[in-house]
Amino acid sequence: MRIRKNIAVSDEGYLFNPTTGDSFSTNGTGAMIISMLKQDKSLIEITDAICEAYDADRILVERDVEDFTSLLKDNSVLD
């Protein structure tokens, strides 16, 4: 999964799609996921990093990462 090349992304997690004019903002965890997607990290690597950073339950993090990336796909942010 990759962020589409035309999507503008700020370090704070603000996204802008110049093709559609849509913009999105996210929290710190969302910004972390987006940053890792830009680095071509896998969903497993992203899940591992979030679990480590927040000492969170892996099953919940896996579900949340999948939900968030599905939302990004639905909004044409991911290829």
PDB file of N, CA and C in Angstrom:
ATOM      1  N   MET A   1       0.827  -1.172   0.000  1.00  0.00           N
ATOM      2  CA  MET A   1       0.000   0.000   0.000  1.00  0.00           C
ATOM      3  C   MET A   1       0.877   1.243   0.000  1.00  0.00           C
ATOM      4  N   ARG A   2       0.472   2.180  -0.801  1.00  0.00           N
ATOM      5  CA  ARG A   2       1.229   3.430  -0.877  1.00  0.00           C
ATOM      6  C   ARG A   2       0.273   4.608  -0.948  1.00  0.00           C
ATOM      7  N   ILE A   3       0.740   5.717  -0.402  1.00  0.00           N
ATOM      8  CA  ILE A   3       0.013   6.971  -0.556  1.00  0.00           C
ATOM      9  C   ILE A   3       0.150   7.393  -2.017  1.00  0.00           C
ATOM     10  N   ARG A   4      -0.939   7.783  -2.656  1.00  0.00           N
ATOM     11  CA  ARG A   4      -0.867   8.223  -4.058  1.00  0.00           C
ATOM     12  C   ARG A   4       0.097   9.392  -4.190  1.00  0.00           C
ATOM     13  N   LYS A   5       0.794   9.436  -5.297  1.00  0.00           N
ATOM     14  CA  LYS A   5       1.828  10.459  -5.516  1.00  0.00           C
ATOM     15  C   LYS A   5       1.276  11.881  -5.499  1.00  0.00           C
ATOM     16  N   ASN A   6       0.035  12.064  -5.919  1.00  0.00           N
ATOM     17  CA  ASN A   6      -0.510  13.421  -5.986  1.00  0.00           C
ATOM     18  C   ASN A   6      -1.077  13.921  -4.654  1.00  0.00           C
ATOM     19  N   ILE A   7      -1.077  13.083  -3.631  1.00  0.00           N
ATOM     20  CA  ILE A   7      -1.622  13.465  -2.325  1.00  0.00           C
ATOM     21  C   ILE A   7      -0.574  14.260  -1.559  1.00  0.00           C
ATOM     22  N   ALA A   8      -0.946  15.453  -1.142  1.00  0.00           N
ATOM     23  CA  ALA A   8      -0.056  16.274  -0.311  1.00  0.00           C
ATOM     24  C   ALA A   8      -0.282  15.876   1.142  1.00  0.00           C
ATOM     25  N   VAL A   9       0.826  15.635   1.858  1.00  0.00           N
ATOM     26  CA  VAL A   9       0.747  15.179   3.245  1.00  0.00           C
ATOM     27  C   VAL A   9       1.648  16.039   4.115  1.00  0.00           C
ATOM     28  N   SER A  10       1.079  16.563   5.203  1.00  0.00           N
ATOM     29  CA  SER A  10       1.902  17.317   6.157  1.00  0.00           C
ATOM     30  C   SER A  10       2.385  16.367   7.256  1.00  0.00           C
ATOM     31  N   ASP A  11       3.390  16.788   7.992  1.00  0.00           N
ATOM     32  CA  ASP A  11       3.922  15.983   9.090  1.00  0.00           C
ATOM     33  C   ASP A  11       2.898  15.793  10.205  1.00  0.00           C
ATOM     34  N   GLU A  12       1.934  16.679  10.285  1.00  0.00           N
ATOM     35  CA  GLU A  12       0.918  16.617  11.333  1.00  0.00           C
ATOM     36  C   GLU A  12      -0.251  15.705  10.977  1.00  0.00           C
ATOM     37  N   GLY A  13      -0.268  15.144   9.768  1.00  0.00           N
ATOM     38  CA  GLY A  13      -1.335  14.238   9.376  1.00  0.00           C
ATOM     39  C   GLY A  13      -2.443  14.880   8.577  1.00  0.00           C
ATOM     40  N   TYR A  14      -2.190  16.037   7.991  1.00  0.00           N
ATOM     41  CA  TYR A  14      -3.167  16.691   7.120  1.00  0.00           C
ATOM     42  C   TYR A  14      -2.912  16.221   5.693  1.00  0.00           C
ATOM     43  N   LEU A  15      -3.959  15.776   5.003  1.00  0.00           N
ATOM     44  CA  LEU A  15      -3.837  15.289   3.634  1.00  0.00           C
ATOM     45  C   LEU A  15      -4.711  16.132   2.714  1.00  0.00           C
ATOM     46  N   PHE A  16      -4.213  16.341   1.504  1.00  0.00           N
ATOM     47  CA  PHE A  16      -4.973  17.083   0.502  1.00  0.00           C
ATOM     48  C   PHE A  16      -4.849  16.375  -0.831  1.00  0.00           C
ATOM     49  N   ASN A  17      -5.998  16.113  -1.452  1.00  0.00           N
ATOM     50  CA  ASN A  17      -6.036  15.501  -2.773  1.00  0.00           C
ATOM     51  C   ASN A  17      -6.366  16.598  -3.782  1.00  0.00           C
ATOM     52  N   PRO A  18      -5.374  17.064  -4.549  1.00  0.00           N
ATOM     53  CA  PRO A  18      -5.625  18.154  -5.483  1.00  0.00           C
ATOM     54  C   PRO A  18      -6.539  17.766  -6.646  1.00  0.00           C
ATOM     55  N   THR A  19      -6.641  16.487  -6.920  1.00  0.00           N
ATOM     56  CA  THR A  19      -7.507  16.028  -8.006  1.00  0.00           C
ATOM     57  C   THR A  19      -8.983  16.221  -7.651  1.00  0.00           C
ATOM     58  N   THR A  20      -9.339  15.882  -6.420  1.00  0.00           N
ATOM     59  CA  THR A  20     -10.736  15.963  -6.004  1.00  0.00           C
ATOM     60  C   THR A  20     -11.042  17.204  -5.168  1.00  0.00           C
ATOM     61  N   GLY A  21      -9.996  17.811  -4.612  1.00  0.00           N
ATOM     62  CA  GLY A  21     -10.184  18.941  -3.720  1.00  0.00           C
ATOM     63  C   GLY A  21     -10.497  18.531  -2.294  1.00  0.00           C
ATOM     64  N   ASP A  22     -10.514  17.227  -2.029  1.00  0.00           N
ATOM     65  CA  ASP A  22     -10.805  16.733  -0.689  1.00  0.00           C
ATOM     66  C   ASP A  22      -9.603  16.920   0.220  1.00  0.00           C
ATOM     67  N   SER A  23      -9.880  17.204   1.483  1.00  0.00           N
ATOM     68  CA  SER A  23      -8.818  17.289   2.478  1.00  0.00           C
ATOM     69  C   SER A  23      -9.241  16.507   3.717  1.00  0.00           C
ATOM     70  N   PHE A  24      -8.261  16.000   4.420  1.00  0.00           N
ATOM     71  CA  PHE A  24      -8.497  15.178   5.592  1.00  0.00           C
ATOM     72  C   PHE A  24      -7.471  15.543   6.651  1.00  0.00           C
ATOM     73  N   SER A  25      -7.876  15.436   7.890  1.00  0.00           N
ATOM     74  CA  SER A  25      -6.909  15.586   8.977  1.00  0.00           C
ATOM     75  C   SER A  25      -7.070  14.389   9.903  1.00  0.00           C
ATOM     76  N   THR A  26      -6.013  14.066  10.616  1.00  0.00           N
ATOM     77  CA  THR A  26      -6.036  12.899  11.480  1.00  0.00           C
ATOM     78  C   THR A  26      -5.304  13.193  12.781  1.00  0.00           C
ATOM     79  N   ASN A  27      -5.403  12.282  13.703  1.00  0.00           N
ATOM     80  CA  ASN A  27      -4.713  12.433  14.985  1.00  0.00           C
ATOM     81  C   ASN A  27      -3.261  11.941  14.870  1.00  0.00           C
ATOM     82  N   GLY A  28      -2.553  11.915  15.979  1.00  0.00           N
ATOM     83  CA  GLY A  28      -1.151  11.518  15.980  1.00  0.00           C
ATOM     84  C   GLY A  28      -0.917  10.099  15.508  1.00  0.00           C
ATOM     85  N   THR A  29      -1.800   9.195  15.882  1.00  0.00           N
ATOM     86  CA  THR A  29      -1.649   7.807  15.444  1.00  0.00           C
ATOM     87  C   THR A  29      -1.875   7.699  13.939  1.00  0.00           C
ATOM     88  N   GLY A  30      -2.871   8.406  13.435  1.00  0.00           N
ATOM     89  CA  GLY A  30      -3.105   8.423  11.989  1.00  0.00           C
ATOM     90  C   GLY A  30      -1.924   9.001  11.247  1.00  0.00           C
ATOM     91  N   ALA A  31      -1.343  10.059  11.791  1.00  0.00           N
ATOM     92  CA  ALA A  31      -0.154  10.668  11.175  1.00  0.00           C
ATOM     93  C   ALA A  31       1.006   9.677  11.157  1.00  0.00           C
ATOM     94  N   MET A  32       1.123   8.890  12.234  1.00  0.00           N
ATOM     95  CA  MET A  32       2.178   7.870  12.295  1.00  0.00           C
ATOM     96  C   MET A  32       1.963   6.815  11.215  1.00  0.00           C
ATOM     97  N   ILE A  33       0.733   6.370  11.043  1.00  0.00           N
ATOM     98  CA  ILE A  33       0.423   5.372  10.016  1.00  0.00           C
ATOM     99  C   ILE A  33       0.727   5.939   8.630  1.00  0.00           C
ATOM    100  N   ILE A  34       0.298   7.154   8.368  1.00  0.00           N
ATOM    101  CA  ILE A  34       0.535   7.779   7.065  1.00  0.00           C
ATOM    102  C   ILE A  34       2.027   7.924   6.803  1.00  0.00           C
ATOM    103  N   SER A  35       2.765   8.347   7.796  1.00  0.00           N
ATOM    104  CA  SER A  35       4.210   8.496   7.657  1.00  0.00           C
ATOM    105  C   SER A  35       4.872   7.159   7.320  1.00  0.00           C
ATOM    106  N   MET A  36       4.435   6.110   7.981  1.00  0.00           N
ATOM    107  CA  MET A  36       5.014   4.789   7.729  1.00  0.00           C
ATOM    108  C   MET A  36       4.603   4.253   6.358  1.00  0.00           C
ATOM    109  N   LEU A  37       3.384   4.551   5.923  1.00  0.00           N
ATOM    110  CA  LEU A  37       2.969   4.154   4.577  1.00  0.00           C
ATOM    111  C   LEU A  37       3.826   4.853   3.529  1.00  0.00           C
ATOM    112  N   LYS A  38       4.165   6.123   3.775  1.00  0.00           N
ATOM    113  CA  LYS A  38       5.032   6.862   2.857  1.00  0.00           C
ATOM    114  C   LYS A  38       6.425   6.239   2.790  1.00  0.00           C
ATOM    115  N   GLN A  39       6.819   5.532   3.849  1.00  0.00           N
ATOM    116  CA  GLN A  39       8.116   4.867   3.895  1.00  0.00           C
ATOM    117  C   GLN A  39       8.033   3.423   3.390  1.00  0.00           C
ATOM    118  N   ASP A  40       6.900   3.064   2.794  1.00  0.00           N
ATOM    119  CA  ASP A  40       6.659   1.716   2.263  1.00  0.00           C
ATOM    120  C   ASP A  40       6.704   0.624   3.325  1.00  0.00           C
ATOM    121  N   LYS A  41       6.295   0.949   4.542  1.00  0.00           N
ATOM    122  CA  LYS A  41       6.229  -0.052   5.606  1.00  0.00           C
ATOM    123  C   LYS A  41       4.988  -0.911   5.404  1.00  0.00           C
ATOM    124  N   SER A  42       5.104  -2.181   5.784  1.00  0.00           N
ATOM    125  CA  SER A  42       3.969  -3.097   5.671  1.00  0.00           C
ATOM    126  C   SER A  42       3.003  -2.855   6.832  1.00  0.00           C
ATOM    127  N   LEU A  43       1.805  -3.410   6.711  1.00  0.00           N
ATOM    128  CA  LEU A  43       0.827  -3.279   7.788  1.00  0.00           C
ATOM    129  C   LEU A  43       1.329  -3.955   9.059  1.00  0.00           C
ATOM    130  N   ILE A  44       2.082  -5.020   8.908  1.00  0.00           N
ATOM    131  CA  ILE A  44       2.657  -5.704  10.076  1.00  0.00           C
ATOM    132  C   ILE A  44       3.672  -4.798  10.762  1.00  0.00           C
ATOM    133  N   GLU A  45       4.525  -4.145   9.981  1.00  0.00           N
ATOM    134  CA  GLU A  45       5.511  -3.227  10.561  1.00  0.00           C
ATOM    135  C   GLU A  45       4.830  -2.042  11.248  1.00  0.00           C
ATOM    136  N   ILE A  46       3.776  -1.546  10.634  1.00  0.00           N
ATOM    137  CA  ILE A  46       3.032  -0.428  11.223  1.00  0.00           C
ATOM    138  C   ILE A  46       2.384  -0.856  12.535  1.00  0.00           C
ATOM    139  N   THR A  47       1.763  -2.028  12.526  1.00  0.00           N
ATOM    140  CA  THR A  47       1.138  -2.561  13.735  1.00  0.00           C
ATOM    141  C   THR A  47       2.169  -2.747  14.839  1.00  0.00           C
ATOM    142  N   ASP A  48       3.319  -3.316  14.495  1.00  0.00           N
ATOM    143  CA  ASP A  48       4.387  -3.509  15.485  1.00  0.00           C
ATOM    144  C   ASP A  48       4.813  -2.177  16.097  1.00  0.00           C
ATOM    145  N   ALA A  49       4.987  -1.164  15.271  1.00  0.00           N
ATOM    146  CA  ALA A  49       5.445   0.143  15.756  1.00  0.00           C
ATOM    147  C   ALA A  49       4.418   0.786  16.682  1.00  0.00           C
ATOM    148  N   ILE A  50       3.145   0.679  16.330  1.00  0.00           N
ATOM    149  CA  ILE A  50       2.101   1.268  17.175  1.00  0.00           C
ATOM    150  C   ILE A  50       1.990   0.516  18.502  1.00  0.00           C
ATOM    151  N   CYS A  51       2.053  -0.801  18.449  1.00  0.00           N
ATOM    152  CA  CYS A  51       1.999  -1.590  19.682  1.00  0.00           C
ATOM    153  C   CYS A  51       3.147  -1.210  20.608  1.00  0.00           C
ATOM    154  N   GLU A  52       4.325  -1.029  20.040  1.00  0.00           N
ATOM    155  CA  GLU A  52       5.483  -0.658  20.843  1.00  0.00           C
ATOM    156  C   GLU A  52       5.357   0.768  21.384  1.00  0.00           C
ATOM    157  N   ALA A  53       4.933   1.687  20.549  1.00  0.00           N
ATOM    158  CA  ALA A  53       4.849   3.090  20.954  1.00  0.00           C
ATOM    159  C   ALA A  53       3.792   3.328  22.030  1.00  0.00           C
ATOM    160  N   TYR A  54       2.687   2.606  21.951  1.00  0.00           N
ATOM    161  CA  TYR A  54       1.574   2.859  22.853  1.00  0.00           C
ATOM    162  C   TYR A  54       1.294   1.716  23.826  1.00  0.00           C
ATOM    163  N   ASP A  55       2.120   0.664  23.798  1.00  0.00           N
ATOM    164  CA  ASP A  55       1.910  -0.495  24.657  1.00  0.00           C
ATOM    165  C   ASP A  55       0.448  -0.953  24.569  1.00  0.00           C
ATOM    166  N   ALA A  56      -0.010  -1.118  23.329  1.00  0.00           N
ATOM    167  CA  ALA A  56      -1.419  -1.405  23.059  1.00  0.00           C
ATOM    168  C   ALA A  56      -1.623  -2.882  22.705  1.00  0.00           C
ATOM    169  N   ASP A  57      -2.852  -3.340  22.859  1.00  0.00           N
ATOM    170  CA  ASP A  57      -3.227  -4.707  22.521  1.00  0.00           C
ATOM    171  C   ASP A  57      -3.114  -4.928  21.010  1.00  0.00           C
ATOM    172  N   ARG A  58      -2.378  -5.940  20.615  1.00  0.00           N
ATOM    173  CA  ARG A  58      -2.087  -6.177  19.199  1.00  0.00           C
ATOM    174  C   ARG A  58      -3.361  -6.392  18.373  1.00  0.00           C
ATOM    175  N   ILE A  59      -4.294  -7.146  18.881  1.00  0.00           N
ATOM    176  CA  ILE A  59      -5.513  -7.436  18.120  1.00  0.00           C
ATOM    177  C   ILE A  59      -6.282  -6.147  17.826  1.00  0.00           C
ATOM    178  N   LEU A  60      -6.382  -5.281  18.824  1.00  0.00           N
ATOM    179  CA  LEU A  60      -7.074  -4.009  18.621  1.00  0.00           C
ATOM    180  C   LEU A  60      -6.318  -3.126  17.623  1.00  0.00           C
ATOM    181  N   VAL A  61      -5.011  -3.098  17.731  1.00  0.00           N
ATOM    182  CA  VAL A  61      -4.211  -2.274  16.822  1.00  0.00           C
ATOM    183  C   VAL A  61      -4.331  -2.786  15.394  1.00  0.00           C
ATOM    184  N   GLU A  62      -4.266  -4.099  15.199  1.00  0.00           N
ATOM    185  CA  GLU A  62      -4.421  -4.673  13.853  1.00  0.00           C
ATOM    186  C   GLU A  62      -5.742  -4.243  13.235  1.00  0.00           C
ATOM    187  N   ARG A  63      -6.813  -4.336  14.030  1.00  0.00           N
ATOM    188  CA  ARG A  63      -8.138  -3.952  13.527  1.00  0.00           C
ATOM    189  C   ARG A  63      -8.185  -2.465  13.195  1.00  0.00           C
ATOM    190  N   ASP A  64      -7.637  -1.649  14.072  1.00  0.00           N
ATOM    191  CA  ASP A  64      -7.652  -0.200  13.840  1.00  0.00           C
ATOM    192  C   ASP A  64      -6.828   0.198  12.624  1.00  0.00           C
ATOM    193  N   VAL A  65      -5.668  -0.424  12.434  1.00  0.00           N
ATOM    194  CA  VAL A  65      -4.825  -0.129  11.267  1.00  0.00           C
ATOM    195  C   VAL A  65      -5.556  -0.541   9.988  1.00  0.00           C
ATOM    196  N   GLU A  66      -6.185  -1.705  10.012  1.00  0.00           N
ATOM    197  CA  GLU A  66      -6.942  -2.158   8.835  1.00  0.00           C
ATOM    198  C   GLU A  66      -8.116  -1.220   8.551  1.00  0.00           C
ATOM    199  N   ASP A  67      -8.827  -0.802   9.580  1.00  0.00           N
ATOM    200  CA  ASP A  67      -9.954   0.124   9.403  1.00  0.00           C
ATOM    201  C   ASP A  67      -9.477   1.461   8.832  1.00  0.00           C
ATOM    202  N   PHE A  68      -8.367   1.969   9.374  1.00  0.00           N
ATOM    203  CA  PHE A  68      -7.846   3.260   8.928  1.00  0.00           C
ATOM    204  C   PHE A  68      -7.375   3.191   7.475  1.00  0.00           C
ATOM    205  N   THR A  69      -6.654   2.130   7.114  1.00  0.00           N
ATOM    206  CA  THR A  69      -6.180   2.023   5.734  1.00  0.00           C
ATOM    207  C   THR A  69      -7.348   1.791   4.771  1.00  0.00           C
ATOM    208  N   SER A  70      -8.384   1.103   5.218  1.00  0.00           N
ATOM    209  CA  SER A  70      -9.582   0.940   4.377  1.00  0.00           C
ATOM    210  C   SER A  70     -10.243   2.292   4.130  1.00  0.00           C
ATOM    211  N   LEU A  71     -10.292   3.119   5.150  1.00  0.00           N
ATOM    212  CA  LEU A  71     -10.839   4.472   5.012  1.00  0.00           C
ATOM    213  C   LEU A  71     -10.010   5.283   4.018  1.00  0.00           C
ATOM    214  N   LEU A  72      -8.690   5.154   4.098  1.00  0.00           N
ATOM    215  CA  LEU A  72      -7.815   5.855   3.152  1.00  0.00           C
ATOM    216  C   LEU A  72      -8.052   5.380   1.718  1.00  0.00           C
ATOM    217  N   LYS A  73      -8.228   4.072   1.554  1.00  0.00           N
ATOM    218  CA  LYS A  73      -8.525   3.510   0.219  1.00  0.00           C
ATOM    219  C   LYS A  73      -9.864   4.036  -0.294  1.00  0.00           C
ATOM    220  N   ASP A  74     -10.869   4.009   0.565  1.00  0.00           N
ATOM    221  CA  ASP A  74     -12.209   4.465   0.164  1.00  0.00           C
ATOM    222  C   ASP A  74     -12.210   5.926  -0.284  1.00  0.00           C
ATOM    223  N   ASN A  75     -11.282   6.707   0.255  1.00  0.00           N
ATOM    224  CA  ASN A  75     -11.200   8.123  -0.078  1.00  0.00           C
ATOM    225  C   ASN A  75     -10.100   8.424  -1.110  1.00  0.00           C
ATOM    226  N   SER A  76      -9.670   7.384  -1.821  1.00  0.00           N
ATOM    227  CA  SER A  76      -8.697   7.490  -2.921  1.00  0.00           C
ATOM    228  C   SER A  76      -7.368   8.117  -2.492  1.00  0.00           C
ATOM    229  N   VAL A  77      -6.964   7.827  -1.263  1.00  0.00           N
ATOM    230  CA  VAL A  77      -5.668   8.316  -0.779  1.00  0.00           C
ATOM    231  C   VAL A  77      -4.588   7.290  -1.054  1.00  0.00           C
ATOM    232  N   LEU A  78      -4.938   6.007  -1.025  1.00  0.00           N
ATOM    233  CA  LEU A  78      -3.984   4.923  -1.261  1.00  0.00           C
ATOM    234  C   LEU A  78      -4.157   4.344  -2.657  1.00  0.00           C
ATOM    235  N   ASP A  79      -3.052   3.869  -3.204  1.00  0.00           N
ATOM    236  CA  ASP A  79      -3.095   3.153  -4.497  1.00  0.00           C
ATOM    237  C   ASP A  79      -3.684   1.777  -4.274  1.00  0.00           C
TER     238      ASP A  79
END
